[in-house]
Amino acid sequence: EQLLTPPVPFSLNYFEVFLSLCDILCSMYMDLLDEECYSSPHIFEALIKVDEKVKRHILKITAKDFTKISTNIARSELSHLR
């Protein structure tokens, strides 16, 4: 399923949204360190599935964006040196 979001009357700041998402993920993973979360095989399997989705849909895309931005910055800096 896709995440549905209500219409927002203003434009969202990509960086603020990303930082908020990172804060939420950090809190979630800290809560998952509880023994109750990983002692049950069913809960553990569900957490692994969620973790894979986070990696695929958030971290992988973000890493690609950061790589693209840093490559463009490096090219720009090198072109100024020539």
N, C-alpha and C. Protein backbone atom coordinates (compact mmCIF):
# COMPACT_ATOMS: atom_id res chain seq x y z
N GLU A 1 0.82 -1.19 0.00
CA GLU A 1 0.00 0.00 0.00
C GLU A 1 0.86 1.25 0.00
N GLN A 2 0.30 2.30 -0.49
CA GLN A 2 0.98 3.58 -0.51
C GLN A 2 0.54 4.41 0.69
N LEU A 3 1.44 5.23 1.15
CA LEU A 3 1.13 6.13 2.25
C LEU A 3 0.27 7.27 1.72
N LEU A 4 -0.88 7.46 2.32
CA LEU A 4 -1.77 8.53 1.91
C LEU A 4 -1.57 9.72 2.85
N THR A 5 -1.42 10.87 2.27
CA THR A 5 -1.24 12.08 3.07
C THR A 5 -2.33 13.08 2.72
N PRO A 6 -2.80 13.80 3.71
CA PRO A 6 -3.83 14.80 3.43
C PRO A 6 -3.19 15.99 2.70
N PRO A 7 -4.00 16.76 2.00
CA PRO A 7 -3.47 17.96 1.35
C PRO A 7 -2.92 18.93 2.39
N VAL A 8 -1.79 19.51 2.10
CA VAL A 8 -1.15 20.46 3.01
C VAL A 8 -1.23 21.84 2.36
N PRO A 9 -1.67 22.86 3.11
CA PRO A 9 -1.87 24.19 2.51
C PRO A 9 -0.56 24.95 2.23
N PHE A 10 0.57 24.35 2.48
CA PHE A 10 1.85 25.01 2.23
C PHE A 10 2.84 23.97 1.71
N SER A 11 3.91 24.43 1.11
CA SER A 11 4.90 23.49 0.59
C SER A 11 5.75 22.95 1.73
N LEU A 12 6.08 21.67 1.63
CA LEU A 12 6.87 21.04 2.67
C LEU A 12 8.36 21.20 2.38
N ASN A 13 9.12 21.36 3.42
CA ASN A 13 10.57 21.44 3.30
C ASN A 13 11.11 20.01 3.32
N TYR A 14 11.75 19.59 2.24
CA TYR A 14 12.26 18.23 2.11
C TYR A 14 13.16 17.86 3.27
N PHE A 15 14.04 18.76 3.66
CA PHE A 15 15.00 18.48 4.72
C PHE A 15 14.32 18.33 6.08
N GLU A 16 13.33 19.16 6.36
CA GLU A 16 12.60 19.06 7.63
C GLU A 16 11.82 17.74 7.70
N VAL A 17 11.21 17.36 6.58
CA VAL A 17 10.47 16.10 6.55
C VAL A 17 11.43 14.94 6.75
N PHE A 18 12.57 14.98 6.08
CA PHE A 18 13.55 13.91 6.20
C PHE A 18 14.10 13.81 7.63
N LEU A 19 14.42 14.95 8.23
CA LEU A 19 14.93 14.94 9.61
C LEU A 19 13.88 14.41 10.59
N SER A 20 12.62 14.79 10.37
CA SER A 20 11.55 14.27 11.23
C SER A 20 11.41 12.76 11.07
N LEU A 21 11.51 12.29 9.83
CA LEU A 21 11.43 10.85 9.58
C LEU A 21 12.59 10.12 10.25
N CYS A 22 13.78 10.70 10.17
CA CYS A 22 14.94 10.09 10.84
C CYS A 22 14.74 10.03 12.35
N ASP A 23 14.20 11.09 12.93
CA ASP A 23 13.92 11.09 14.38
C ASP A 23 12.93 9.99 14.75
N ILE A 24 11.89 9.85 13.94
CA ILE A 24 10.89 8.82 14.21
C ILE A 24 11.51 7.43 14.08
N LEU A 25 12.32 7.22 13.05
CA LEU A 25 12.97 5.91 12.87
C LEU A 25 13.92 5.61 14.03
N CYS A 26 14.66 6.61 14.49
CA CYS A 26 15.56 6.40 15.64
C CYS A 26 14.77 6.00 16.88
N SER A 27 13.67 6.68 17.12
CA SER A 27 12.83 6.34 18.28
C SER A 27 12.26 4.93 18.14
N MET A 28 11.84 4.59 16.93
CA MET A 28 11.27 3.27 16.69
C MET A 28 12.32 2.18 16.94
N TYR A 29 13.52 2.37 16.41
CA TYR A 29 14.56 1.36 16.59
C TYR A 29 15.02 1.27 18.05
N MET A 30 15.00 2.38 18.76
CA MET A 30 15.34 2.33 20.19
C MET A 30 14.30 1.52 20.96
N ASP A 31 13.03 1.70 20.60
CA ASP A 31 11.97 0.92 21.24
C ASP A 31 12.09 -0.56 20.91
N LEU A 32 12.60 -0.87 19.74
CA LEU A 32 12.72 -2.27 19.31
C LEU A 32 13.85 -3.00 20.02
N LEU A 33 14.69 -2.28 20.75
CA LEU A 33 15.76 -2.94 21.50
C LEU A 33 15.22 -3.67 22.72
N ASP A 34 13.96 -3.43 23.03
CA ASP A 34 13.30 -4.12 24.14
C ASP A 34 13.29 -5.63 23.88
N GLU A 35 13.56 -6.40 24.90
CA GLU A 35 13.64 -7.86 24.73
C GLU A 35 12.32 -8.46 24.22
N GLU A 36 11.21 -7.86 24.59
CA GLU A 36 9.91 -8.36 24.16
C GLU A 36 9.77 -8.34 22.64
N CYS A 37 10.41 -7.40 22.00
CA CYS A 37 10.28 -7.26 20.55
C CYS A 37 11.00 -8.37 19.80
N TYR A 38 12.14 -8.78 20.27
CA TYR A 38 12.89 -9.77 19.51
C TYR A 38 12.84 -11.17 20.12
N SER A 39 12.13 -11.35 21.24
CA SER A 39 12.03 -12.68 21.82
C SER A 39 10.96 -13.53 21.13
N SER A 40 9.96 -12.89 20.55
CA SER A 40 8.91 -13.61 19.83
C SER A 40 9.31 -13.74 18.36
N PRO A 41 9.29 -14.95 17.81
CA PRO A 41 9.67 -15.13 16.40
C PRO A 41 8.75 -14.39 15.44
N HIS A 42 7.47 -14.28 15.77
CA HIS A 42 6.52 -13.60 14.88
C HIS A 42 6.80 -12.10 14.83
N ILE A 43 7.03 -11.53 15.99
CA ILE A 43 7.33 -10.10 16.03
C ILE A 43 8.66 -9.84 15.36
N PHE A 44 9.64 -10.70 15.60
CA PHE A 44 10.96 -10.54 14.99
C PHE A 44 10.87 -10.58 13.47
N GLU A 45 10.11 -11.52 12.91
CA GLU A 45 9.95 -11.61 11.46
C GLU A 45 9.26 -10.37 10.90
N ALA A 46 8.25 -9.87 11.60
CA ALA A 46 7.56 -8.65 11.16
C ALA A 46 8.51 -7.46 11.17
N LEU A 47 9.36 -7.38 12.19
CA LEU A 47 10.33 -6.29 12.27
C LEU A 47 11.34 -6.36 11.14
N ILE A 48 11.76 -7.56 10.78
CA ILE A 48 12.69 -7.73 9.66
C ILE A 48 12.05 -7.24 8.37
N LYS A 49 10.77 -7.54 8.17
CA LYS A 49 10.07 -7.09 6.97
C LYS A 49 9.96 -5.57 6.93
N VAL A 50 9.62 -4.98 8.06
CA VAL A 50 9.53 -3.51 8.13
C VAL A 50 10.90 -2.89 7.86
N ASP A 51 11.94 -3.48 8.44
CA ASP A 51 13.29 -2.97 8.25
C ASP A 51 13.69 -3.01 6.77
N GLU A 52 13.36 -4.08 6.08
CA GLU A 52 13.67 -4.19 4.65
C GLU A 52 12.94 -3.12 3.85
N LYS A 53 11.69 -2.84 4.21
CA LYS A 53 10.93 -1.81 3.50
C LYS A 53 11.52 -0.43 3.75
N VAL A 54 11.94 -0.17 4.97
CA VAL A 54 12.58 1.11 5.29
C VAL A 54 13.85 1.27 4.47
N LYS A 55 14.65 0.21 4.41
CA LYS A 55 15.88 0.27 3.63
C LYS A 55 15.59 0.52 2.16
N ARG A 56 14.62 -0.21 1.61
CA ARG A 56 14.35 -0.12 0.17
C ARG A 56 13.70 1.20 -0.22
N HIS A 57 12.72 1.66 0.56
CA HIS A 57 11.93 2.82 0.16
C HIS A 57 12.46 4.15 0.68
N ILE A 58 13.28 4.12 1.70
CA ILE A 58 13.76 5.38 2.28
C ILE A 58 15.27 5.51 2.16
N LEU A 59 16.01 4.59 2.75
CA LEU A 59 17.46 4.72 2.81
C LEU A 59 18.12 4.61 1.44
N LYS A 60 17.68 3.67 0.63
CA LYS A 60 18.29 3.48 -0.69
C LYS A 60 18.08 4.72 -1.56
N ILE A 61 16.86 5.26 -1.56
CA ILE A 61 16.55 6.44 -2.35
C ILE A 61 17.33 7.65 -1.84
N THR A 62 17.39 7.79 -0.53
CA THR A 62 18.12 8.91 0.06
C THR A 62 19.61 8.82 -0.25
N ALA A 63 20.17 7.63 -0.18
CA ALA A 63 21.59 7.45 -0.49
C ALA A 63 21.87 7.82 -1.94
N LYS A 64 20.96 7.46 -2.85
CA LYS A 64 21.13 7.82 -4.25
C LYS A 64 21.09 9.34 -4.43
N ASP A 65 20.15 10.00 -3.72
CA ASP A 65 20.06 11.46 -3.80
C ASP A 65 21.33 12.12 -3.28
N PHE A 66 21.84 11.65 -2.14
CA PHE A 66 23.06 12.22 -1.58
C PHE A 66 24.25 11.99 -2.52
N THR A 67 24.31 10.83 -3.13
CA THR A 67 25.40 10.55 -4.08
C THR A 67 25.32 11.49 -5.27
N LYS A 68 24.13 11.69 -5.80
CA LYS A 68 23.95 12.58 -6.95
C LYS A 68 24.35 14.01 -6.59
N ILE A 69 23.91 14.47 -5.42
CA ILE A 69 24.22 15.84 -4.99
C ILE A 69 25.73 15.99 -4.78
N SER A 70 26.36 15.05 -4.10
CA SER A 70 27.79 15.16 -3.83
C SER A 70 28.60 15.06 -5.11
N THR A 71 28.16 14.26 -6.07
CA THR A 71 28.86 14.17 -7.36
C THR A 71 28.76 15.50 -8.09
N ASN A 72 27.58 16.11 -8.08
CA ASN A 72 27.43 17.41 -8.74
C ASN A 72 28.28 18.49 -8.08
N ILE A 73 28.35 18.46 -6.76
CA ILE A 73 29.19 19.44 -6.04
C ILE A 73 30.66 19.22 -6.38
N ALA A 74 31.10 17.97 -6.40
CA ALA A 74 32.50 17.67 -6.72
C ALA A 74 32.83 18.10 -8.14
N ARG A 75 31.94 17.84 -9.09
CA ARG A 75 32.16 18.27 -10.48
C ARG A 75 32.25 19.78 -10.58
N SER A 76 31.36 20.45 -9.86
CA SER A 76 31.36 21.93 -9.87
C SER A 76 32.66 22.47 -9.31
N GLU A 77 33.11 21.91 -8.20
CA GLU A 77 34.36 22.36 -7.58
C GLU A 77 35.57 22.10 -8.51
N LEU A 78 35.58 20.95 -9.15
CA LEU A 78 36.67 20.63 -10.06
C LEU A 78 36.66 21.54 -11.29
N SER A 79 35.48 21.89 -11.77
CA SER A 79 35.43 22.78 -12.93
C SER A 79 35.93 24.18 -12.59
N HIS A 80 35.77 24.60 -11.33
CA HIS A 80 36.27 25.91 -10.90
C HIS A 80 37.80 25.90 -10.79
N LEU A 81 38.38 24.74 -10.54
CA LEU A 81 39.85 24.65 -10.42
C LEU A 81 40.54 24.72 -11.77
N ARG A 82 39.84 24.36 -12.83
CA ARG A 82 40.45 24.32 -14.18
C ARG A 82 40.57 25.67 -14.79
